[in-house]
């Protein structure tokens, strides 16, 4: 055998050969925690077959904490920052080290994600960060958690409850404020979140017998110019309430409407989604998205998959909460 032509044998090589995580290899070699006889035998057989010799530096590396890869679309905005705070708050409890990739503006995203997965014990992938093919390939290599994504075989999903909360918000506008002409602002085809929020919107209207709501006013989450949307609202007589797919759209649209002499909520009610800090200062009625809890749950579920504490592949749905403020016509909150 030509050893010079081979790649160096590392703890990752041993883990792959034995079909376990590097954390398991480390535990077997160090005897830090009990392992099953079958697992121990697989690891030791792989060590012997590959000729792996953990030097002192290598042993320190092997004892390094669980390696988690976290792939998000962006590092900007309140949602991602809250999610990261939640993840980092839970990770130290399980001895996790987190490597992060932001895919916004990156051309070779798929290659970057696959390269990271090759070095990690497990991966967390947010919706829209990479292709479906790469998601499936990552899941074949390492334990994988998906955020706000449709189910993928072999992965655990961690999602926010979007549909029921939006339905509850719309019912409030119908029942407590008497609005009948509502429009959804956002693009239901842009992301899973927007799709489910729009379904909650239409569910509530259908249950109330209001089927003439009209199509959504399609605009992306990150739209910079909402003037055209405000003009479309003014051009359609009788619109009483706007249910926006997120707070950024809602706050930007309120500004554009007020510039055109429209009073919120006297002339038209406006609601958002997320409950960002600005929403709290501007009395925006919204739905509080527990992004920090999503991060905590994702860290815990990935840890459980890596150590084989749980092999259940399922979906965890984190509940959201309607927050009523004055932009929908409710009384001003107490200072």
Protein backbone atom coordinates (compact mmCIF):
# COMPACT_ATOMS: atom_id res chain seq x y z
CA UNK A 1 0.00 0.00 0.00
CA UNK A 2 1.36 3.39 -0.96
CA UNK A 3 0.97 5.33 2.29
CA UNK A 4 2.57 8.48 0.79
CA UNK A 5 -0.28 8.81 -1.70
CA UNK A 6 -2.89 8.64 1.04
CA UNK A 7 -4.46 11.53 2.89
CA UNK A 8 -3.47 11.94 6.56
CA UNK A 9 -5.56 9.83 8.92
CA UNK A 10 -7.47 12.11 11.27
CA UNK A 11 -10.20 11.70 13.84
CA UNK A 12 -12.65 12.59 11.07
CA UNK A 13 -11.34 9.67 8.99
CA UNK A 14 -11.82 7.31 11.92
CA UNK A 15 -15.33 8.62 12.59
CA UNK A 16 -16.34 8.18 8.95
CA UNK A 17 -14.85 4.68 8.78
CA UNK A 18 -16.60 3.61 11.98
CA UNK A 19 -19.85 5.32 11.09
CA UNK A 20 -19.96 7.49 14.22
CA UNK A 21 -19.39 11.15 15.13
CA UNK A 22 -15.98 12.52 16.09
CA UNK A 23 -17.40 13.17 19.55
CA UNK A 24 -18.03 9.41 19.88
CA UNK A 25 -14.47 8.61 18.71
CA UNK A 26 -13.13 11.05 21.30
CA UNK A 27 -15.19 9.49 24.10
CA UNK A 28 -14.06 5.97 23.21
CA UNK A 29 -10.37 6.93 23.02
CA UNK A 30 -10.45 8.94 26.21
CA UNK A 31 -12.85 6.72 28.13
CA UNK A 32 -14.57 9.90 29.31
CA UNK A 33 -18.09 8.46 29.20
CA UNK A 34 -19.36 4.89 28.71
CA UNK A 35 -20.06 3.70 25.17
CA UNK A 36 -21.86 0.58 24.05
CA UNK A 37 -19.69 -2.47 23.41
CA UNK A 38 -20.62 -2.47 19.72
CA UNK A 39 -19.76 1.21 19.28
CA UNK A 40 -16.46 0.85 21.13
CA UNK A 41 -15.54 -2.14 18.99
CA UNK A 42 -16.29 -0.27 15.75
CA UNK A 43 -14.17 2.70 16.78
CA UNK A 44 -11.20 0.60 17.94
CA UNK A 45 -11.35 -1.55 14.82
CA UNK A 46 -11.27 1.61 12.68
CA UNK A 47 -8.31 2.95 14.66
CA UNK A 48 -6.36 -0.27 14.10
CA UNK A 49 -7.27 -0.60 10.42
CA UNK A 50 -6.39 3.00 9.61
CA UNK A 51 -3.31 3.17 11.81
CA UNK A 52 -4.59 6.25 13.59
CA UNK A 53 -2.21 7.59 16.26
CA UNK A 54 -3.63 10.53 18.24
CA UNK A 55 -0.59 12.64 19.16
CA UNK A 56 -0.82 14.93 22.15
CA UNK A 57 -1.94 17.84 19.96
CA UNK A 58 -4.26 15.52 18.11
CA UNK A 59 -5.74 14.25 21.35
CA UNK A 60 -6.40 17.82 22.42
CA UNK A 61 -8.14 18.34 19.10
CA UNK A 62 -10.15 15.16 19.59
CA UNK A 63 -11.25 16.39 22.98
CA UNK A 64 -12.39 19.64 21.46
CA UNK A 65 -16.06 20.39 21.87
CA UNK A 66 -18.77 19.27 19.47
CA UNK A 67 -18.37 21.07 16.19
CA UNK A 68 -21.59 22.62 14.87
CA UNK A 69 -21.93 24.30 11.48
CA UNK A 70 -24.59 27.02 11.34
CA UNK A 71 -25.60 28.32 7.91
CA UNK A 72 -27.79 31.46 7.84
CA UNK A 73 -28.81 33.69 4.98
CA UNK A 74 -27.71 36.89 6.67
CA UNK A 75 -26.09 38.20 9.83
CA UNK A 76 -28.04 41.44 9.63
CA UNK A 77 -31.52 42.15 10.88
CA UNK A 78 -33.14 41.42 14.23
CA UNK A 79 -34.30 37.87 13.42
CA UNK A 80 -30.86 36.43 12.74
CA UNK A 81 -29.20 38.27 15.60
CA UNK A 82 -31.79 36.95 18.05
CA UNK A 83 -31.47 33.44 16.66
CA UNK A 84 -27.69 33.56 17.12
CA UNK A 85 -28.04 34.80 20.70
CA UNK A 86 -30.34 31.87 21.44
CA UNK A 87 -28.04 29.33 19.80
CA UNK A 88 -24.95 30.63 21.56
CA UNK A 89 -26.75 30.70 24.90
CA UNK A 90 -27.57 26.99 24.69
CA UNK A 91 -24.42 25.69 22.94
CA UNK A 92 -22.02 26.00 25.94
CA UNK A 93 -24.33 23.84 28.03
CA UNK A 94 -23.64 20.92 25.69
CA UNK A 95 -19.99 21.67 24.98
CA UNK A 96 -20.51 22.94 21.45
CA UNK A 97 -18.29 25.05 19.24
CA UNK A 98 -20.11 26.86 16.44
CA UNK A 99 -18.79 27.76 12.98
CA UNK A 100 -20.96 30.19 11.04
CA UNK A 101 -21.54 30.95 7.36
CA UNK A 102 -23.67 33.79 6.00
CA UNK A 103 -24.71 33.00 2.42
CA UNK A 104 -25.90 36.48 1.47
CA UNK A 105 -24.00 37.63 -1.62
CA UNK A 106 -21.82 34.50 -1.85
CA UNK A 107 -21.50 32.93 -5.31
CA UNK A 108 -20.12 29.49 -4.37
CA UNK A 109 -22.59 28.80 -1.56
CA UNK A 110 -23.07 25.09 -2.22
CA UNK A 111 -19.33 24.40 -2.21
CA UNK A 112 -18.86 26.42 0.97
CA UNK A 113 -21.65 24.56 2.76
CA UNK A 114 -20.37 21.12 1.71
CA UNK A 115 -16.84 22.06 2.73
CA UNK A 116 -18.06 23.12 6.17
CA UNK A 117 -20.14 19.97 6.57
CA UNK A 118 -17.03 17.85 5.97
CA UNK A 119 -15.45 19.34 9.10
CA UNK A 120 -18.45 19.34 11.43
CA UNK A 121 -20.21 16.86 13.72
CA UNK A 122 -23.56 18.32 12.69
CA UNK A 123 -25.13 21.12 10.66
CA UNK A 124 -27.97 23.63 11.02
CA UNK A 125 -29.27 25.02 7.73
CA UNK A 126 -31.71 27.92 7.52
CA UNK A 127 -34.30 28.05 4.75
CA UNK A 128 -33.09 29.42 1.44
CA UNK A 129 -29.38 29.23 2.21
CA UNK A 130 -28.51 26.42 -0.21
CA UNK A 131 -30.04 24.12 -2.80
CA UNK A 132 -32.30 21.16 -1.99
CA UNK A 133 -29.69 18.80 -3.44
CA UNK A 134 -27.02 20.13 -1.08
CA UNK A 135 -29.39 19.87 1.90
CA UNK A 136 -29.92 16.19 1.12
CA UNK A 137 -26.19 15.61 0.65
CA UNK A 138 -25.36 17.30 3.97
CA UNK A 139 -28.02 15.19 5.70
CA UNK A 140 -26.40 12.03 4.32
CA UNK A 141 -23.06 13.06 5.82
CA UNK A 142 -23.89 14.42 9.27
CA UNK A 143 -26.86 14.97 11.61
CA UNK A 144 -28.78 17.96 10.24
CA UNK A 145 -31.35 20.41 11.60
CA UNK A 146 -33.35 22.63 9.24
CA UNK A 147 -34.77 26.02 10.25
CA UNK A 148 -38.09 27.27 8.88
CA UNK A 149 -38.00 24.76 6.04
CA UNK A 150 -40.28 22.15 4.53
CA UNK A 151 -39.57 18.60 5.73
CA UNK A 152 -36.58 16.78 4.26
CA UNK A 153 -36.08 13.08 4.88
CA UNK A 154 -33.44 12.40 7.49
CA UNK A 155 -33.49 15.92 8.98
CA UNK A 156 -35.02 17.44 12.07
CA UNK A 157 -37.07 20.59 11.44
CA UNK A 158 -37.32 23.52 13.85
CA UNK A 159 -40.07 25.87 12.74
CA UNK A 160 -42.06 28.79 14.10
CA UNK A 161 -45.85 28.53 14.26
CA UNK A 162 -46.92 30.95 11.51
CA UNK A 163 -50.35 29.95 10.29
CA UNK A 164 -52.38 29.82 13.50
CA UNK A 165 -50.93 33.08 14.85
CA UNK A 166 -51.75 34.98 11.65
CA UNK A 167 -55.26 33.55 11.68
CA UNK A 168 -55.67 34.74 15.27
CA UNK A 169 -54.44 38.21 14.31
CA UNK A 170 -56.88 38.48 11.40
CA UNK A 171 -59.78 37.26 13.56
CA UNK A 172 -58.96 40.09 15.96
CA UNK A 173 -59.18 42.64 13.13
CA UNK A 174 -62.50 41.18 11.96
CA UNK A 175 -64.18 40.59 15.30
CA UNK A 176 -62.84 43.35 17.55
CA UNK A 177 -62.45 46.18 15.03
CA UNK A 178 -65.13 45.28 12.51
CA UNK A 179 -62.84 45.41 9.47
CA UNK A 180 -64.05 43.59 6.38
CA UNK A 181 -61.70 44.68 3.60
CA UNK A 182 -58.24 43.38 4.43
CA UNK A 183 -55.19 42.94 2.22
CA UNK A 184 -52.06 40.86 2.76
CA UNK A 185 -48.77 42.64 2.05
CA UNK A 186 -45.91 40.31 1.13
CA UNK A 187 -45.04 37.57 -1.31
CA UNK A 188 -46.39 34.14 -0.25
CA UNK A 189 -44.07 32.50 -2.77
CA UNK A 190 -40.90 34.03 -1.35
CA UNK A 191 -40.43 31.81 1.69
CA UNK A 192 -42.08 29.15 3.79
CA UNK A 193 -42.84 31.69 6.53
CA UNK A 194 -44.69 33.99 4.15
CA UNK A 195 -46.59 31.06 2.64
CA UNK A 196 -47.92 29.91 6.00
CA UNK A 197 -48.73 33.44 7.14
CA UNK A 198 -50.76 34.01 3.99
CA UNK A 199 -52.59 30.73 4.55
CA UNK A 200 -53.50 31.86 8.06
CA UNK A 201 -54.76 35.12 6.56
CA UNK A 202 -56.99 33.38 3.99
CA UNK A 203 -58.16 30.77 6.54
CA UNK A 204 -59.54 33.50 8.81
CA UNK A 205 -61.25 35.32 5.95
CA UNK A 206 -62.79 32.12 4.59
CA UNK A 207 -64.12 31.18 8.03
CA UNK A 208 -65.75 34.63 8.22
CA UNK A 209 -67.30 34.24 4.75
CA UNK A 210 -65.09 36.97 3.28
CA UNK A 211 -63.73 35.54 0.06
CA UNK A 212 -63.33 38.79 -1.86
CA UNK A 213 -60.16 39.93 -0.11
CA UNK A 214 -58.26 40.10 -3.37
CA UNK A 215 -54.73 38.85 -4.16
CA UNK A 216 -51.80 39.78 -1.92
CA UNK A 217 -49.89 42.95 -2.55
CA UNK A 218 -46.70 41.14 -3.54
CA UNK A 219 -43.52 42.66 -2.23
CA UNK A 220 -40.32 40.99 -0.96
CA UNK A 221 -39.36 40.98 2.73
CA UNK A 222 -36.44 43.33 2.14
CA UNK A 223 -38.16 45.82 -0.16
CA UNK A 224 -36.56 49.27 0.08
CA UNK A 225 -39.29 51.28 -1.67
CA UNK A 226 -42.82 50.71 -0.47
CA UNK A 227 -44.20 53.81 -2.14
CA UNK A 228 -45.76 51.76 -4.94
CA UNK A 229 -47.53 49.56 -2.41
CA UNK A 230 -48.91 52.62 -0.62
CA UNK A 231 -50.14 53.98 -3.95
CA UNK A 232 -51.83 50.64 -4.72
CA UNK A 233 -53.62 50.77 -1.37
CA UNK A 234 -54.86 54.29 -2.06
CA UNK A 235 -55.98 53.31 -5.54
CA UNK A 236 -58.21 50.56 -4.12
CA UNK A 237 -61.10 52.23 -2.33
CA UNK A 238 -62.24 50.90 0.99
CA UNK A 239 -59.19 48.98 2.23
CA UNK A 240 -59.52 48.93 6.02
CA UNK A 241 -56.54 46.89 7.22
CA UNK A 242 -53.16 45.71 5.93
CA UNK A 243 -51.67 42.50 7.29
CA UNK A 244 -47.94 42.62 6.51
CA UNK A 245 -45.68 39.58 6.26
CA UNK A 246 -43.10 41.14 8.58
CA UNK A 247 -42.45 44.22 10.70
CA UNK A 248 -40.06 45.85 8.23
CA UNK A 249 -42.77 45.93 5.59
CA UNK A 250 -45.33 47.19 8.10
CA UNK A 251 -43.14 50.00 9.47
CA UNK A 252 -42.02 51.10 6.01
CA UNK A 253 -45.57 51.06 4.72
CA UNK A 254 -46.86 53.11 7.67
CA UNK A 255 -44.25 55.74 6.85
CA UNK A 256 -45.27 55.82 3.18
CA UNK A 257 -48.96 56.03 4.02
CA UNK A 258 -48.44 58.89 6.45
CA UNK A 259 -46.43 60.79 3.83
CA UNK A 260 -49.56 60.53 1.65
CA UNK A 261 -51.83 61.86 4.38
CA UNK A 262 -53.24 58.49 5.48
CA UNK A 263 -53.77 58.15 9.21
CA UNK A 264 -52.85 54.86 10.91
CA UNK A 265 -54.99 53.36 12.38
CA UNK A 266 -57.84 55.86 11.84
CA UNK A 267 -57.95 55.46 8.05
CA UNK A 268 -56.31 52.06 7.75
CA UNK A 269 -55.02 49.58 10.32
CA UNK A 270 -51.56 48.05 9.82
CA UNK A 271 -50.07 44.95 11.44
CA UNK A 272 -46.70 43.25 11.16
CA UNK A 273 -44.90 40.03 12.08
CA UNK A 274 -41.74 39.39 14.21
CA UNK A 275 -42.00 41.99 17.00
CA UNK A 276 -38.66 43.64 16.35
CA UNK A 277 -37.52 46.31 18.79
CA UNK A 278 -38.72 49.13 16.52
CA UNK A 279 -42.23 47.65 16.60
CA UNK A 280 -42.30 48.08 20.37
CA UNK A 281 -41.30 51.74 20.14
CA UNK A 282 -43.83 52.53 17.40
CA UNK A 283 -46.80 50.67 18.91
CA UNK A 284 -47.07 48.24 16.01
CA UNK A 285 -49.52 45.38 16.42
CA UNK A 286 -47.64 42.26 15.39
CA UNK A 287 -46.85 38.62 16.13
CA UNK A 288 -43.89 37.92 18.35
CA UNK A 289 -41.58 35.44 16.69
CA UNK A 290 -39.47 33.59 19.30
CA UNK A 291 -36.25 33.65 17.26
CA UNK A 292 -34.10 33.25 20.36
CA UNK A 293 -36.01 30.13 21.37
CA UNK A 294 -35.64 28.75 17.83
CA UNK A 295 -31.88 29.05 18.23
CA UNK A 296 -31.92 27.33 21.62
CA UNK A 297 -34.09 24.46 20.39
CA UNK A 298 -31.94 23.98 17.27
CA UNK A 299 -28.76 23.72 19.36
CA UNK A 300 -30.33 21.17 21.68
CA UNK A 301 -31.83 19.00 18.94
CA UNK A 302 -28.57 18.88 17.00
CA UNK A 303 -26.69 17.90 20.15
CA UNK A 304 -29.18 15.08 20.79
CA UNK A 305 -28.74 13.80 17.25
CA UNK A 306 -24.93 13.90 17.43
CA UNK A 307 -24.69 11.94 20.68
CA UNK A 308 -27.43 9.58 19.51
CA UNK A 309 -29.53 10.46 22.54
CA UNK A 310 -32.43 10.77 20.15
CA UNK A 311 -32.72 9.24 16.72
CA UNK A 312 -36.24 10.54 16.21
CA UNK A 313 -36.55 12.56 13.02
CA UNK A 314 -39.35 15.00 13.55
CA UNK A 315 -40.46 18.63 13.49
CA UNK A 316 -40.36 20.94 16.49
CA UNK A 317 -42.84 23.81 16.22
CA UNK A 318 -42.05 26.79 18.46
CA UNK A 319 -45.20 28.77 19.35
CA UNK A 320 -45.58 32.45 18.46
CA UNK A 321 -47.71 35.12 20.15
CA UNK A 322 -50.00 37.90 18.92
CA UNK A 323 -49.08 41.28 20.45
CA UNK A 324 -51.80 43.94 20.28
CA UNK A 325 -50.81 47.60 20.14
CA UNK A 326 -52.32 50.78 18.73
CA UNK A 327 -51.52 50.41 15.00
CA UNK A 328 -54.58 48.16 14.61
CA UNK A 329 -56.85 50.48 16.58
CA UNK A 330 -56.36 49.05 20.06
CA UNK A 331 -55.86 51.53 22.93
CA UNK A 332 -52.40 52.98 23.39
CA UNK A 333 -50.40 50.74 25.75
CA UNK A 334 -49.50 52.07 29.17
CA UNK A 335 -46.12 53.75 29.33
